[in-house]
N, C-alpha and C. Protein backbone atom coordinates (compact mmCIF):
# COMPACT_ATOMS: atom_id res chain seq x y z
N MET A 1 33.43 -110.29 42.08
CA MET A 1 34.67 -110.06 42.80
C MET A 1 34.73 -111.10 43.93
N SER A 2 35.87 -111.69 44.08
CA SER A 2 35.99 -112.70 45.13
C SER A 2 36.07 -112.03 46.50
N ILE A 3 35.83 -112.81 47.53
CA ILE A 3 35.83 -112.30 48.89
C ILE A 3 37.21 -111.76 49.27
N LEU A 4 38.26 -112.49 48.91
CA LEU A 4 39.62 -112.06 49.24
C LEU A 4 39.97 -110.74 48.56
N ALA A 5 39.58 -110.58 47.30
CA ALA A 5 39.83 -109.34 46.59
C ALA A 5 39.05 -108.18 47.23
N PHE A 6 37.83 -108.46 47.67
CA PHE A 6 37.02 -107.42 48.31
C PHE A 6 37.64 -106.99 49.65
N ILE A 7 38.18 -107.95 50.40
CA ILE A 7 38.84 -107.63 51.67
C ILE A 7 40.09 -106.79 51.40
N LEU A 8 40.89 -107.18 50.41
CA LEU A 8 42.09 -106.43 50.07
C LEU A 8 41.73 -105.03 49.56
N PHE A 9 40.70 -104.93 48.73
CA PHE A 9 40.24 -103.64 48.24
C PHE A 9 39.77 -102.76 49.40
N GLY A 10 39.04 -103.34 50.35
CA GLY A 10 38.58 -102.60 51.52
C GLY A 10 39.74 -102.10 52.36
N LEU A 11 40.78 -102.92 52.50
CA LEU A 11 41.96 -102.50 53.26
C LEU A 11 42.66 -101.33 52.58
N VAL A 12 42.84 -101.40 51.28
CA VAL A 12 43.50 -100.31 50.55
C VAL A 12 42.66 -99.04 50.62
N ILE A 13 41.37 -99.15 50.40
CA ILE A 13 40.49 -97.99 50.46
C ILE A 13 40.46 -97.41 51.88
N GLY A 14 40.42 -98.27 52.88
CA GLY A 14 40.44 -97.82 54.26
C GLY A 14 41.73 -97.09 54.61
N LEU A 15 42.86 -97.61 54.14
CA LEU A 15 44.14 -96.94 54.39
C LEU A 15 44.22 -95.59 53.69
N LEU A 16 43.72 -95.53 52.45
CA LEU A 16 43.70 -94.24 51.73
C LEU A 16 42.81 -93.23 52.43
N ALA A 17 41.64 -93.66 52.86
CA ALA A 17 40.72 -92.74 53.53
C ALA A 17 41.29 -92.28 54.87
N ARG A 18 41.95 -93.17 55.60
CA ARG A 18 42.56 -92.77 56.87
C ARG A 18 43.70 -91.79 56.65
N ALA A 19 44.42 -91.92 55.52
CA ALA A 19 45.49 -90.98 55.21
C ALA A 19 44.94 -89.61 54.84
N ILE A 20 43.77 -89.58 54.21
CA ILE A 20 43.16 -88.31 53.79
C ILE A 20 42.49 -87.63 54.98
N MET A 21 41.84 -88.40 55.83
CA MET A 21 41.06 -87.84 56.94
C MET A 21 41.98 -87.20 57.97
N PRO A 22 41.74 -85.94 58.33
CA PRO A 22 42.58 -85.31 59.35
C PRO A 22 42.28 -85.89 60.73
N GLY A 23 43.25 -85.82 61.59
CA GLY A 23 43.08 -86.33 62.94
C GLY A 23 43.63 -87.74 63.07
N ARG A 24 43.47 -88.25 64.26
CA ARG A 24 44.02 -89.58 64.58
C ARG A 24 42.87 -90.58 64.67
N GLN A 25 42.97 -91.64 63.90
CA GLN A 25 42.01 -92.74 63.98
C GLN A 25 42.77 -93.93 64.56
N SER A 26 42.45 -94.28 65.76
CA SER A 26 43.16 -95.38 66.41
C SER A 26 42.41 -96.68 66.15
N MET A 27 42.80 -97.37 65.08
CA MET A 27 42.21 -98.66 64.74
C MET A 27 43.27 -99.50 64.04
N GLY A 28 43.11 -100.80 64.13
CA GLY A 28 44.05 -101.72 63.52
C GLY A 28 43.72 -101.99 62.07
N LEU A 29 44.46 -102.93 61.49
CA LEU A 29 44.26 -103.25 60.08
C LEU A 29 42.92 -103.92 59.82
N VAL A 30 42.46 -104.74 60.75
CA VAL A 30 41.16 -105.42 60.56
C VAL A 30 40.03 -104.39 60.57
N ALA A 31 40.06 -103.47 61.52
CA ALA A 31 39.02 -102.43 61.58
C ALA A 31 39.12 -101.52 60.36
N THR A 32 40.33 -101.23 59.90
CA THR A 32 40.50 -100.42 58.70
C THR A 32 39.90 -101.11 57.49
N ALA A 33 40.13 -102.42 57.37
CA ALA A 33 39.57 -103.17 56.25
C ALA A 33 38.04 -103.21 56.33
N LEU A 34 37.50 -103.38 57.53
CA LEU A 34 36.04 -103.43 57.70
C LEU A 34 35.41 -102.09 57.35
N VAL A 35 36.03 -101.00 57.79
CA VAL A 35 35.50 -99.67 57.47
C VAL A 35 35.63 -99.41 55.97
N GLY A 36 36.73 -99.85 55.38
CA GLY A 36 36.91 -99.69 53.94
C GLY A 36 35.90 -100.48 53.14
N MET A 37 35.60 -101.70 53.58
CA MET A 37 34.60 -102.51 52.87
C MET A 37 33.21 -101.90 53.01
N ALA A 38 32.86 -101.44 54.21
CA ALA A 38 31.54 -100.83 54.41
C ALA A 38 31.42 -99.53 53.62
N GLY A 39 32.47 -98.72 53.63
CA GLY A 39 32.47 -97.48 52.85
C GLY A 39 32.40 -97.75 51.37
N SER A 40 33.05 -98.81 50.93
CA SER A 40 32.99 -99.19 49.52
C SER A 40 31.58 -99.59 49.12
N LEU A 41 30.90 -100.31 50.00
CA LEU A 41 29.51 -100.67 49.71
C LEU A 41 28.61 -99.45 49.65
N ILE A 42 28.79 -98.53 50.60
CA ILE A 42 27.98 -97.31 50.61
C ILE A 42 28.24 -96.49 49.35
N GLY A 43 29.51 -96.27 49.04
CA GLY A 43 29.86 -95.51 47.84
C GLY A 43 29.38 -96.18 46.57
N GLY A 44 29.49 -97.51 46.51
CA GLY A 44 29.03 -98.24 45.34
C GLY A 44 27.53 -98.19 45.17
N LEU A 45 26.79 -98.29 46.27
CA LEU A 45 25.33 -98.23 46.18
C LEU A 45 24.85 -96.85 45.76
N ILE A 46 25.48 -95.81 46.29
CA ILE A 46 25.10 -94.45 45.88
C ILE A 46 25.45 -94.22 44.41
N GLY A 47 26.63 -94.69 44.00
CA GLY A 47 27.01 -94.58 42.59
C GLY A 47 26.09 -95.35 41.68
N ASN A 48 25.63 -96.51 42.14
CA ASN A 48 24.70 -97.32 41.37
C ASN A 48 23.36 -96.62 41.22
N LEU A 49 22.91 -95.95 42.27
CA LEU A 49 21.65 -95.22 42.19
C LEU A 49 21.75 -94.05 41.22
N ILE A 50 22.90 -93.40 41.18
CA ILE A 50 23.08 -92.25 40.30
C ILE A 50 23.24 -92.67 38.84
N SER A 51 24.13 -93.65 38.60
CA SER A 51 24.46 -94.00 37.22
C SER A 51 23.66 -95.16 36.65
N GLY A 52 23.15 -96.02 37.49
CA GLY A 52 22.42 -97.19 37.02
C GLY A 52 23.33 -98.32 36.58
N ASP A 53 24.66 -98.16 36.76
CA ASP A 53 25.62 -99.21 36.42
C ASP A 53 25.63 -100.30 37.46
N SER A 54 26.29 -101.39 37.14
CA SER A 54 26.43 -102.49 38.10
C SER A 54 27.42 -102.12 39.19
N ILE A 55 27.17 -102.58 40.39
CA ILE A 55 28.03 -102.27 41.53
C ILE A 55 29.35 -103.05 41.46
N ALA A 56 29.39 -104.14 40.69
CA ALA A 56 30.57 -105.00 40.66
C ALA A 56 31.66 -104.51 39.71
N HIS A 57 31.37 -103.55 38.84
CA HIS A 57 32.39 -103.06 37.92
C HIS A 57 33.35 -102.13 38.63
N LEU A 58 34.63 -102.32 38.38
CA LEU A 58 35.67 -101.49 39.00
C LEU A 58 36.04 -100.38 38.03
N ARG A 59 35.68 -99.17 38.38
CA ARG A 59 35.98 -97.99 37.56
C ARG A 59 36.58 -96.92 38.45
N GLY A 60 37.15 -95.92 37.84
CA GLY A 60 37.74 -94.82 38.59
C GLY A 60 36.73 -94.10 39.47
N ALA A 61 35.54 -93.89 38.93
CA ALA A 61 34.49 -93.23 39.72
C ALA A 61 34.06 -94.10 40.89
N GLY A 62 34.10 -95.41 40.72
CA GLY A 62 33.75 -96.31 41.81
C GLY A 62 34.78 -96.27 42.93
N ILE A 63 36.05 -96.12 42.56
CA ILE A 63 37.10 -96.02 43.57
C ILE A 63 36.95 -94.71 44.34
N ILE A 64 36.67 -93.63 43.63
CA ILE A 64 36.47 -92.34 44.29
C ILE A 64 35.23 -92.41 45.19
N GLY A 65 34.16 -93.03 44.71
CA GLY A 65 32.96 -93.19 45.53
C GLY A 65 33.23 -94.05 46.77
N SER A 66 34.07 -95.06 46.62
CA SER A 66 34.43 -95.90 47.77
C SER A 66 35.20 -95.11 48.81
N ILE A 67 36.13 -94.28 48.35
CA ILE A 67 36.90 -93.44 49.28
C ILE A 67 35.99 -92.44 49.97
N LEU A 68 35.07 -91.83 49.21
CA LEU A 68 34.15 -90.87 49.81
C LEU A 68 33.22 -91.54 50.83
N GLY A 69 32.75 -92.74 50.51
CA GLY A 69 31.91 -93.48 51.46
C GLY A 69 32.66 -93.83 52.72
N THR A 70 33.93 -94.20 52.58
CA THR A 70 34.74 -94.53 53.75
C THR A 70 35.05 -93.29 54.56
N LEU A 71 35.32 -92.16 53.89
CA LEU A 71 35.54 -90.90 54.61
C LEU A 71 34.29 -90.51 55.40
N PHE A 72 33.13 -90.73 54.83
CA PHE A 72 31.88 -90.44 55.52
C PHE A 72 31.74 -91.31 56.77
N LEU A 73 32.07 -92.60 56.65
CA LEU A 73 32.00 -93.49 57.81
C LEU A 73 33.01 -93.09 58.89
N LEU A 74 34.23 -92.72 58.48
CA LEU A 74 35.23 -92.28 59.44
C LEU A 74 34.78 -91.01 60.16
N PHE A 75 34.13 -90.12 59.42
CA PHE A 75 33.60 -88.90 60.03
C PHE A 75 32.54 -89.24 61.06
N LEU A 76 31.63 -90.13 60.71
CA LEU A 76 30.58 -90.53 61.65
C LEU A 76 31.16 -91.21 62.88
N MET A 77 32.17 -92.05 62.68
CA MET A 77 32.80 -92.73 63.81
C MET A 77 33.51 -91.73 64.72
N GLY A 78 34.18 -90.75 64.15
CA GLY A 78 34.85 -89.73 64.94
C GLY A 78 33.86 -88.85 65.68
N TYR A 79 32.75 -88.51 65.02
CA TYR A 79 31.72 -87.69 65.63
C TYR A 79 31.07 -88.42 66.80
N ALA A 80 30.75 -89.69 66.60
CA ALA A 80 30.13 -90.47 67.67
C ALA A 80 31.11 -90.69 68.82
N GLY A 81 32.38 -90.88 68.51
CA GLY A 81 33.38 -91.09 69.55
C GLY A 81 33.60 -89.86 70.40
N ARG A 82 33.58 -88.68 69.76
CA ARG A 82 33.75 -87.44 70.52
C ARG A 82 32.57 -87.20 71.46
N HIS A 83 31.37 -87.45 70.98
CA HIS A 83 30.18 -87.22 71.82
C HIS A 83 30.07 -88.27 72.92
N ARG A 84 30.51 -89.47 72.66
CA ARG A 84 30.47 -90.50 73.69
C ARG A 84 31.45 -90.16 74.82
N ARG A 85 32.64 -89.68 74.45
CA ARG A 85 33.63 -89.31 75.46
C ARG A 85 33.19 -88.10 76.26
N ALA A 86 32.45 -87.19 75.63
CA ALA A 86 32.00 -85.98 76.33
C ALA A 86 30.92 -86.32 77.36
N LEU A 87 30.16 -87.37 77.12
CA LEU A 87 29.09 -87.73 78.04
C LEU A 87 29.60 -88.48 79.27
N THR A 88 30.75 -89.13 79.16
CA THR A 88 31.24 -89.90 80.30
C THR A 88 32.19 -89.12 81.16
């Protein structure tokens, strides 16, 4: 997969995950794309460990795994943000 396609895929996955995740995530398109790309890598690596398939193949389960990985990252970011604000 080319770099540009991966960035676009990360942006789409990040936007989908932000639409699914309840609450307000205040981040721009670049941060959304970065979170989507990182979540896609996490979801792809976990899917690769389970199925033994290549991480580069685009399948429906890989897209779902990418969204779940991004939702997990958004949850962690929200959790860390709430605790950081509570401490200050």
